[in-house]
Every structure is written in structure tokens, then in C-alpha cells.
Amino acid sequence: MELKAILEGGEVKRFVTSDVAKVHEMNFIGRFDIKMNELPKRIYDPIEKRERKISAWSYHYKFDDVDRIMKTVKTDYEEATGKLPLNLRSRYVVTEKRYKLFGKEEPKLIIEAAVLNHLKSYVENGFDTRRVTLSELLSVLTRYIDRAEFGNYFHVLGIASVTGFDEKVFEHINSGNFHKNFVSRYVSLCLVDLETG
């Protein structure tokens, strides 16, 4: 369908092949990891209304959607991880014990970089032309907000896209409606267009 639209002269803002998308996501996560390991860092925590000095991270996790890809396409693991973008995510966590000296460790601050690609397009066509839509962004964002509110921690989230974001994303995010309904003191959002920076 995307290829048909391109051939018929449909409006295409960007044409991004799977290998270009993979390089962009690897560079984004790599640069993020380098920055996060330049310690110490000072980050304001609006939940506890104080600046946190971070000398070491409690945990660091990396995630991807390779399992989702493997369910979609008949290919082996190495081929999928070598050729396709994987929606990489890198998460740095600061935890504290519930009762300061003892008890279960709970997250207090999470800083995360995530790439949002249309994986099905890369799997089926080898390219993507669609920008991230408002509904796609909100479906991701609401999950993060719900988890942060339930866990009572501050989550800084950078979401990146190699194909960019739809105009409605910026219209909505810059509107008063977004700030009334989706802005949360638990989640701070930054959108990154991987092509334009």
C-alpha cells in the first residue's frame, strides 16, 4: 500500500529504509547511553520537590521489540536483529529503599530513551514513509503516565522517530487541551526527530 502511494505520486515526507532506520536508532541510543554515563548528574524531581544528585545509577536496562518482530516475520533471530530496526529503549533507574534503610527498593527516578518505528512496514516492505501519529504517541505515553503515577516516581522520557511526527502531534502537544489532559507531574516528555535532530 505504501509503495503504491509512492508510485502514484502520493505525498511522502520521508522515505526511510530499514537499514537507515536501524543506524539512526543505534546512534540515538548510543549517544543517550554516553550522556547518561557522564556522572554526576543533577536532576530536579518534581514528585519530591528536590534536586537529586546522581553519582551512580541503581539499574540500567535495554529493551527492544525483537520478540514482536519474530512473531510477525518468518526469519531467524540473527537476521532480524542484524537488518531491522528494533524499537530500542534504554532505561536508567534510581531506586531507594521504602523505609530509607530497609524494605523493598522502589524506583524514584527513571530516565529513558525510546525509538518508535513502524516495525510492520520495515518487515513487510523494507522501508517506511509514515510519520508517528497522535494516536500512536498517546497510546505509548498514557502507559508511561499510568505506571509512573501508580509507582509514584518521576519518569523523563525521550521518544524518537526516524520518520518524524505528524503535524497533529505538535498541534496537540502545544495546545492547552494536552496540558490539561495528558501532562503529568510524573512524566516529562521530549520528542526527537532523528533526521533533523
C-alpha atoms as a PDB file:
ATOM      1  CA  MET A   1       0.000   0.000   0.000  1.00  0.00           C
ATOM      2  CA  GLU A   2       2.799   2.462   0.869  1.00  0.00           C
ATOM      3  CA  LEU A   3       4.706   1.579  -2.295  1.00  0.00           C
ATOM      4  CA  LYS A   4       1.542   2.045  -4.348  1.00  0.00           C
ATOM      5  CA  ALA A   5       1.021   5.512  -2.857  1.00  0.00           C
ATOM      6  CA  ILE A   6       4.623   6.458  -3.669  1.00  0.00           C
ATOM      7  CA  LEU A   7       4.345   5.208  -7.262  1.00  0.00           C
ATOM      8  CA  GLU A   8       1.073   7.071  -7.745  1.00  0.00           C
ATOM      9  CA  GLY A   9       2.696  10.297  -6.620  1.00  0.00           C
ATOM     10  CA  GLY A  10       1.140  10.400  -3.180  1.00  0.00           C
ATOM     11  CA  GLU A  11       2.547  12.791  -0.616  1.00  0.00           C
ATOM     12  CA  VAL A  12       5.596  11.273   1.061  1.00  0.00           C
ATOM     13  CA  LYS A  13       7.541  13.412   3.519  1.00  0.00           C
ATOM     14  CA  ARG A  14      10.283  10.822   4.063  1.00  0.00           C
ATOM     15  CA  PHE A  15      11.303   7.502   2.616  1.00  0.00           C
ATOM     16  CA  VAL A  16      13.360   5.605   5.209  1.00  0.00           C
ATOM     17  CA  THR A  17      14.795   2.164   4.512  1.00  0.00           C
ATOM     18  CA  SER A  18      15.163  -0.390   7.299  1.00  0.00           C
ATOM     19  CA  ASP A  19      18.975  -0.147   7.354  1.00  0.00           C
ATOM     20  CA  VAL A  20      18.867   3.664   7.667  1.00  0.00           C
ATOM     21  CA  ALA A  21      16.266   3.391  10.452  1.00  0.00           C
ATOM     22  CA  LYS A  22      18.458   0.839  12.245  1.00  0.00           C
ATOM     23  CA  VAL A  23      21.540   3.100  12.056  1.00  0.00           C
ATOM     24  CA  HIS A  24      19.555   6.092  13.357  1.00  0.00           C
ATOM     25  CA  GLU A  25      18.129   4.176  16.319  1.00  0.00           C
ATOM     26  CA  MET A  26      21.528   2.688  17.227  1.00  0.00           C
ATOM     27  CA  ASN A  27      23.144   6.145  17.091  1.00  0.00           C
ATOM     28  CA  PHE A  28      20.380   7.713  19.187  1.00  0.00           C
ATOM     29  CA  ILE A  29      20.543   5.086  21.923  1.00  0.00           C
ATOM     30  CA  GLY A  30      24.358   5.062  21.816  1.00  0.00           C
ATOM     31  CA  ARG A  31      24.576   8.846  22.275  1.00  0.00           C
ATOM     32  CA  PHE A  32      21.976   8.675  25.055  1.00  0.00           C
ATOM     33  CA  ASP A  33      23.964   5.967  26.894  1.00  0.00           C
ATOM     34  CA  ILE A  34      27.160   8.035  26.643  1.00  0.00           C
ATOM     35  CA  LYS A  35      25.385  11.094  28.093  1.00  0.00           C
ATOM     36  CA  MET A  36      23.811   9.108  30.899  1.00  0.00           C
ATOM     37  CA  ASN A  37      27.187   7.779  31.981  1.00  0.00           C
ATOM     38  CA  GLU A  38      28.694  11.246  32.300  1.00  0.00           C
ATOM     39  CA  LEU A  39      28.227  11.392  36.055  1.00  0.00           C
ATOM     40  CA  PRO A  40      27.472  13.035  38.409  1.00  0.00           C
ATOM     41  CA  LYS A  41      24.195  14.497  37.178  1.00  0.00           C
ATOM     42  CA  ARG A  42      21.738  16.828  38.857  1.00  0.00           C
ATOM     43  CA  ILE A  43      18.074  16.319  38.032  1.00  0.00           C
ATOM     44  CA  TYR A  44      15.094  18.075  39.574  1.00  0.00           C
ATOM     45  CA  ASP A  45      12.463  15.669  40.911  1.00  0.00           C
ATOM     46  CA  PRO A  46       9.017  17.351  40.912  1.00  0.00           C
ATOM     47  CA  ILE A  47       7.489  14.489  42.918  1.00  0.00           C
ATOM     48  CA  GLU A  48       9.727  15.061  45.927  1.00  0.00           C
ATOM     49  CA  LYS A  49      10.320  18.728  45.045  1.00  0.00           C
ATOM     50  CA  ARG A  50      14.094  18.495  45.263  1.00  0.00           C
ATOM     51  CA  GLU A  51      17.157  18.254  43.114  1.00  0.00           C
ATOM     52  CA  ARG A  52      18.710  14.805  43.011  1.00  0.00           C
ATOM     53  CA  LYS A  53      22.445  14.397  42.655  1.00  0.00           C
ATOM     54  CA  ILE A  54      23.105  11.133  40.821  1.00  0.00           C
ATOM     55  CA  SER A  55      26.575   9.640  41.258  1.00  0.00           C
ATOM     56  CA  ALA A  56      25.604   6.144  40.109  1.00  0.00           C
ATOM     57  CA  TRP A  57      22.554   4.516  38.563  1.00  0.00           C
ATOM     58  CA  SER A  58      20.805   1.789  40.532  1.00  0.00           C
ATOM     59  CA  TYR A  59      19.917  -0.106  37.347  1.00  0.00           C
ATOM     60  CA  HIS A  60      20.254   0.123  33.596  1.00  0.00           C
ATOM     61  CA  TYR A  61      18.017  -1.859  31.249  1.00  0.00           C
ATOM     62  CA  LYS A  62      17.906  -2.189  27.473  1.00  0.00           C
ATOM     63  CA  PHE A  63      14.793  -3.383  25.654  1.00  0.00           C
ATOM     64  CA  ASP A  64      13.709  -3.984  22.081  1.00  0.00           C
ATOM     65  CA  ASP A  65      10.800  -5.446  20.155  1.00  0.00           C
ATOM     66  CA  VAL A  66      12.664  -8.350  18.540  1.00  0.00           C
ATOM     67  CA  ASP A  67      10.181 -10.857  20.003  1.00  0.00           C
ATOM     68  CA  ARG A  68       7.320  -8.980  18.341  1.00  0.00           C
ATOM     69  CA  ILE A  69       9.215  -8.990  15.041  1.00  0.00           C
ATOM     70  CA  MET A  70       9.912 -12.724  15.296  1.00  0.00           C
ATOM     71  CA  LYS A  71       6.172 -13.386  15.678  1.00  0.00           C
ATOM     72  CA  THR A  72       5.443 -11.279  12.594  1.00  0.00           C
ATOM     73  CA  VAL A  73       8.080 -12.458  10.124  1.00  0.00           C
ATOM     74  CA  LYS A  74       9.500 -15.852   9.335  1.00  0.00           C
ATOM     75  CA  THR A  75      13.188 -15.155   9.815  1.00  0.00           C
ATOM     76  CA  ASP A  76      15.868 -16.171  12.241  1.00  0.00           C
ATOM     77  CA  TYR A  77      16.878 -14.107  15.245  1.00  0.00           C
ATOM     78  CA  GLU A  78      20.259 -13.021  13.867  1.00  0.00           C
ATOM     79  CA  GLU A  79      18.779 -11.859  10.574  1.00  0.00           C
ATOM     80  CA  ALA A  80      16.044  -9.863  12.321  1.00  0.00           C
ATOM     81  CA  THR A  81      18.450  -8.218  14.769  1.00  0.00           C
ATOM     82  CA  GLY A  82      21.018  -7.552  12.065  1.00  0.00           C
ATOM     83  CA  LYS A  83      18.786  -5.995   9.409  1.00  0.00           C
ATOM     84  CA  LEU A  84      15.724  -4.469  11.048  1.00  0.00           C
ATOM     85  CA  PRO A  85      15.162  -1.573  13.437  1.00  0.00           C
ATOM     86  CA  LEU A  86      14.021  -2.965  16.772  1.00  0.00           C
ATOM     87  CA  ASN A  87      12.430  -0.018  18.629  1.00  0.00           C
ATOM     88  CA  LEU A  88      15.364   0.135  21.029  1.00  0.00           C
ATOM     89  CA  ARG A  89      14.847   1.516  24.525  1.00  0.00           C
ATOM     90  CA  SER A  90      17.440   2.350  27.163  1.00  0.00           C
ATOM     91  CA  ARG A  91      16.318   2.979  30.751  1.00  0.00           C
ATOM     92  CA  TYR A  92      18.312   4.326  33.706  1.00  0.00           C
ATOM     93  CA  VAL A  93      16.798   3.962  37.162  1.00  0.00           C
ATOM     94  CA  VAL A  94      17.441   5.459  40.592  1.00  0.00           C
ATOM     95  CA  THR A  95      15.888   3.463  43.418  1.00  0.00           C
ATOM     96  CA  GLU A  96      15.560   3.964  47.162  1.00  0.00           C
ATOM     97  CA  LYS A  97      14.537   1.639  49.931  1.00  0.00           C
ATOM     98  CA  ARG A  98      10.960   2.141  51.057  1.00  0.00           C
ATOM     99  CA  TYR A  99      11.949   2.977  54.648  1.00  0.00           C
ATOM    100  CA  LYS A 100      15.320   4.600  53.814  1.00  0.00           C
ATOM    101  CA  LEU A 101      17.475   1.862  55.374  1.00  0.00           C
ATOM    102  CA  PHE A 102      15.398  -1.245  54.839  1.00  0.00           C
ATOM    103  CA  GLY A 103      12.456  -2.539  52.868  1.00  0.00           C
ATOM    104  CA  LYS A 104      11.875  -3.099  49.207  1.00  0.00           C
ATOM    105  CA  GLU A 105      13.729  -0.951  46.678  1.00  0.00           C
ATOM    106  CA  GLU A 106      11.369   1.274  44.721  1.00  0.00           C
ATOM    107  CA  PRO A 107      12.061   3.419  41.662  1.00  0.00           C
ATOM    108  CA  LYS A 108      12.236   7.142  42.370  1.00  0.00           C
ATOM    109  CA  LEU A 109      13.554   8.408  39.036  1.00  0.00           C
ATOM    110  CA  ILE A 110      13.658   6.871  35.561  1.00  0.00           C
ATOM    111  CA  ILE A 111      15.283   8.440  32.532  1.00  0.00           C
ATOM    112  CA  GLU A 112      14.562   6.652  29.288  1.00  0.00           C
ATOM    113  CA  ALA A 113      15.183   6.999  25.575  1.00  0.00           C
ATOM    114  CA  ALA A 114      12.866   5.083  23.254  1.00  0.00           C
ATOM    115  CA  VAL A 115      12.634   4.770  19.484  1.00  0.00           C
ATOM    116  CA  LEU A 116       9.206   4.486  17.902  1.00  0.00           C
ATOM    117  CA  ASN A 117       9.229   2.866  14.440  1.00  0.00           C
ATOM    118  CA  HIS A 118       6.513   1.231  12.373  1.00  0.00           C
ATOM    119  CA  LEU A 119       8.069  -2.230  12.569  1.00  0.00           C
ATOM    120  CA  LYS A 120       5.457  -3.897  10.384  1.00  0.00           C
ATOM    121  CA  SER A 121       6.343  -1.569   7.477  1.00  0.00           C
ATOM    122  CA  TYR A 122      10.040  -2.400   7.766  1.00  0.00           C
ATOM    123  CA  VAL A 123       9.323  -6.116   7.964  1.00  0.00           C
ATOM    124  CA  GLU A 124       6.870  -6.212   5.051  1.00  0.00           C
ATOM    125  CA  ASN A 125       8.299  -3.528   2.748  1.00  0.00           C
ATOM    126  CA  GLY A 126      11.869  -2.850   3.886  1.00  0.00           C
ATOM    127  CA  PHE A 127      11.009   0.852   4.320  1.00  0.00           C
ATOM    128  CA  ASP A 128       8.610   3.276   5.988  1.00  0.00           C
ATOM    129  CA  THR A 129       7.157   6.617   4.917  1.00  0.00           C
ATOM    130  CA  ARG A 130       4.621   7.271   7.680  1.00  0.00           C
ATOM    131  CA  ARG A 131       5.222   9.754  10.454  1.00  0.00           C
ATOM    132  CA  VAL A 132       4.233   8.883  14.031  1.00  0.00           C
ATOM    133  CA  THR A 133       0.602   9.827  14.564  1.00  0.00           C
ATOM    134  CA  LEU A 134      -1.019  11.398  17.587  1.00  0.00           C
ATOM    135  CA  SER A 135      -2.903   8.202  18.455  1.00  0.00           C
ATOM    136  CA  GLU A 136       0.335   6.153  18.327  1.00  0.00           C
ATOM    137  CA  LEU A 137       2.104   8.632  20.589  1.00  0.00           C
ATOM    138  CA  LEU A 138      -0.764   8.870  23.079  1.00  0.00           C
ATOM    139  CA  SER A 139      -1.091   5.084  23.314  1.00  0.00           C
ATOM    140  CA  VAL A 140       2.567   4.904  24.342  1.00  0.00           C
ATOM    141  CA  LEU A 141       2.501   7.973  26.575  1.00  0.00           C
ATOM    142  CA  THR A 142      -0.578   7.003  28.583  1.00  0.00           C
ATOM    143  CA  ARG A 143       1.037   3.668  29.555  1.00  0.00           C
ATOM    144  CA  TYR A 144       4.103   5.504  30.886  1.00  0.00           C
ATOM    145  CA  ILE A 145       1.977   8.008  32.795  1.00  0.00           C
ATOM    146  CA  ASP A 146      -0.176   5.265  34.352  1.00  0.00           C
ATOM    147  CA  ARG A 147       2.882   3.300  35.527  1.00  0.00           C
ATOM    148  CA  ALA A 148       4.655   6.380  36.917  1.00  0.00           C
ATOM    149  CA  GLU A 149       1.584   7.569  38.807  1.00  0.00           C
ATOM    150  CA  PHE A 150       0.964   4.104  40.241  1.00  0.00           C
ATOM    151  CA  GLY A 151       4.629   3.746  41.255  1.00  0.00           C
ATOM    152  CA  ASN A 152       4.905   7.365  42.477  1.00  0.00           C
ATOM    153  CA  TYR A 153       8.137   8.102  40.583  1.00  0.00           C
ATOM    154  CA  PHE A 154       9.327  10.703  38.077  1.00  0.00           C
ATOM    155  CA  HIS A 155       9.916   9.440  34.521  1.00  0.00           C
ATOM    156  CA  VAL A 156      11.796  11.523  31.951  1.00  0.00           C
ATOM    157  CA  LEU A 157      11.010  10.099  28.524  1.00  0.00           C
ATOM    158  CA  GLY A 158      12.573  10.904  25.167  1.00  0.00           C
ATOM    159  CA  ILE A 159      10.686   9.379  22.228  1.00  0.00           C
ATOM    160  CA  ALA A 160      12.470   9.416  18.884  1.00  0.00           C
ATOM    161  CA  SER A 161      11.246   8.748  15.360  1.00  0.00           C
ATOM    162  CA  VAL A 162      13.262   8.497  12.156  1.00  0.00           C
ATOM    163  CA  THR A 163      10.216   9.307  10.007  1.00  0.00           C
ATOM    164  CA  GLY A 164       9.246  12.272  12.175  1.00  0.00           C
ATOM    165  CA  PHE A 165       5.976  13.182  13.838  1.00  0.00           C
ATOM    166  CA  ASP A 166       2.651  14.128  12.290  1.00  0.00           C
ATOM    167  CA  GLU A 167       1.675  17.812  12.405  1.00  0.00           C
ATOM    168  CA  LYS A 168      -1.238  16.914  14.706  1.00  0.00           C
ATOM    169  CA  VAL A 169       1.248  15.660  17.300  1.00  0.00           C
ATOM    170  CA  PHE A 170       2.789  19.127  17.627  1.00  0.00           C
ATOM    171  CA  GLU A 171      -0.571  20.895  17.417  1.00  0.00           C
ATOM    172  CA  HIS A 172      -1.919  18.746  20.252  1.00  0.00           C
ATOM    173  CA  ILE A 173       1.187  18.856  22.433  1.00  0.00           C
ATOM    174  CA  ASN A 174       1.378  22.644  22.169  1.00  0.00           C
ATOM    175  CA  SER A 175      -2.346  23.054  22.913  1.00  0.00           C
ATOM    176  CA  GLY A 176      -3.897  23.831  26.249  1.00  0.00           C
ATOM    177  CA  ASN A 177      -6.006  20.671  25.892  1.00  0.00           C
ATOM    178  CA  PHE A 178      -2.908  18.470  26.041  1.00  0.00           C
ATOM    179  CA  HIS A 179      -1.611  20.245  29.126  1.00  0.00           C
ATOM    180  CA  LYS A 180      -4.954  19.783  30.870  1.00  0.00           C
ATOM    181  CA  ASN A 181      -5.407  16.114  29.976  1.00  0.00           C
ATOM    182  CA  PHE A 182      -2.054  14.448  29.416  1.00  0.00           C
ATOM    183  CA  VAL A 183       0.665  16.429  31.140  1.00  0.00           C
ATOM    184  CA  SER A 184       1.593  14.726  34.320  1.00  0.00           C
ATOM    185  CA  ARG A 185       3.983  15.747  37.033  1.00  0.00           C
ATOM    186  CA  TYR A 186       5.108  12.124  36.878  1.00  0.00           C
ATOM    187  CA  VAL A 187       6.244  12.150  33.224  1.00  0.00           C
ATOM    188  CA  SER A 188       8.289  14.693  31.303  1.00  0.00           C
ATOM    189  CA  LEU A 189       8.237  14.175  27.529  1.00  0.00           C
ATOM    190  CA  CYS A 190      10.748  15.119  24.844  1.00  0.00           C
ATOM    191  CA  LEU A 191      10.161  14.286  21.153  1.00  0.00           C
ATOM    192  CA  VAL A 192      13.198  13.794  18.919  1.00  0.00           C
ATOM    193  CA  ASP A 193      13.151  13.717  15.127  1.00  0.00           C
ATOM    194  CA  LEU A 194      16.153  11.536  14.303  1.00  0.00           C
ATOM    195  CA  GLU A 195      16.614  13.035  10.839  1.00  0.00           C
ATOM    196  CA  THR A 196      16.505  16.712  11.732  1.00  0.00           C
ATOM    197  CA  GLY A 197      17.692  16.442  15.340  1.00  0.00           C
END
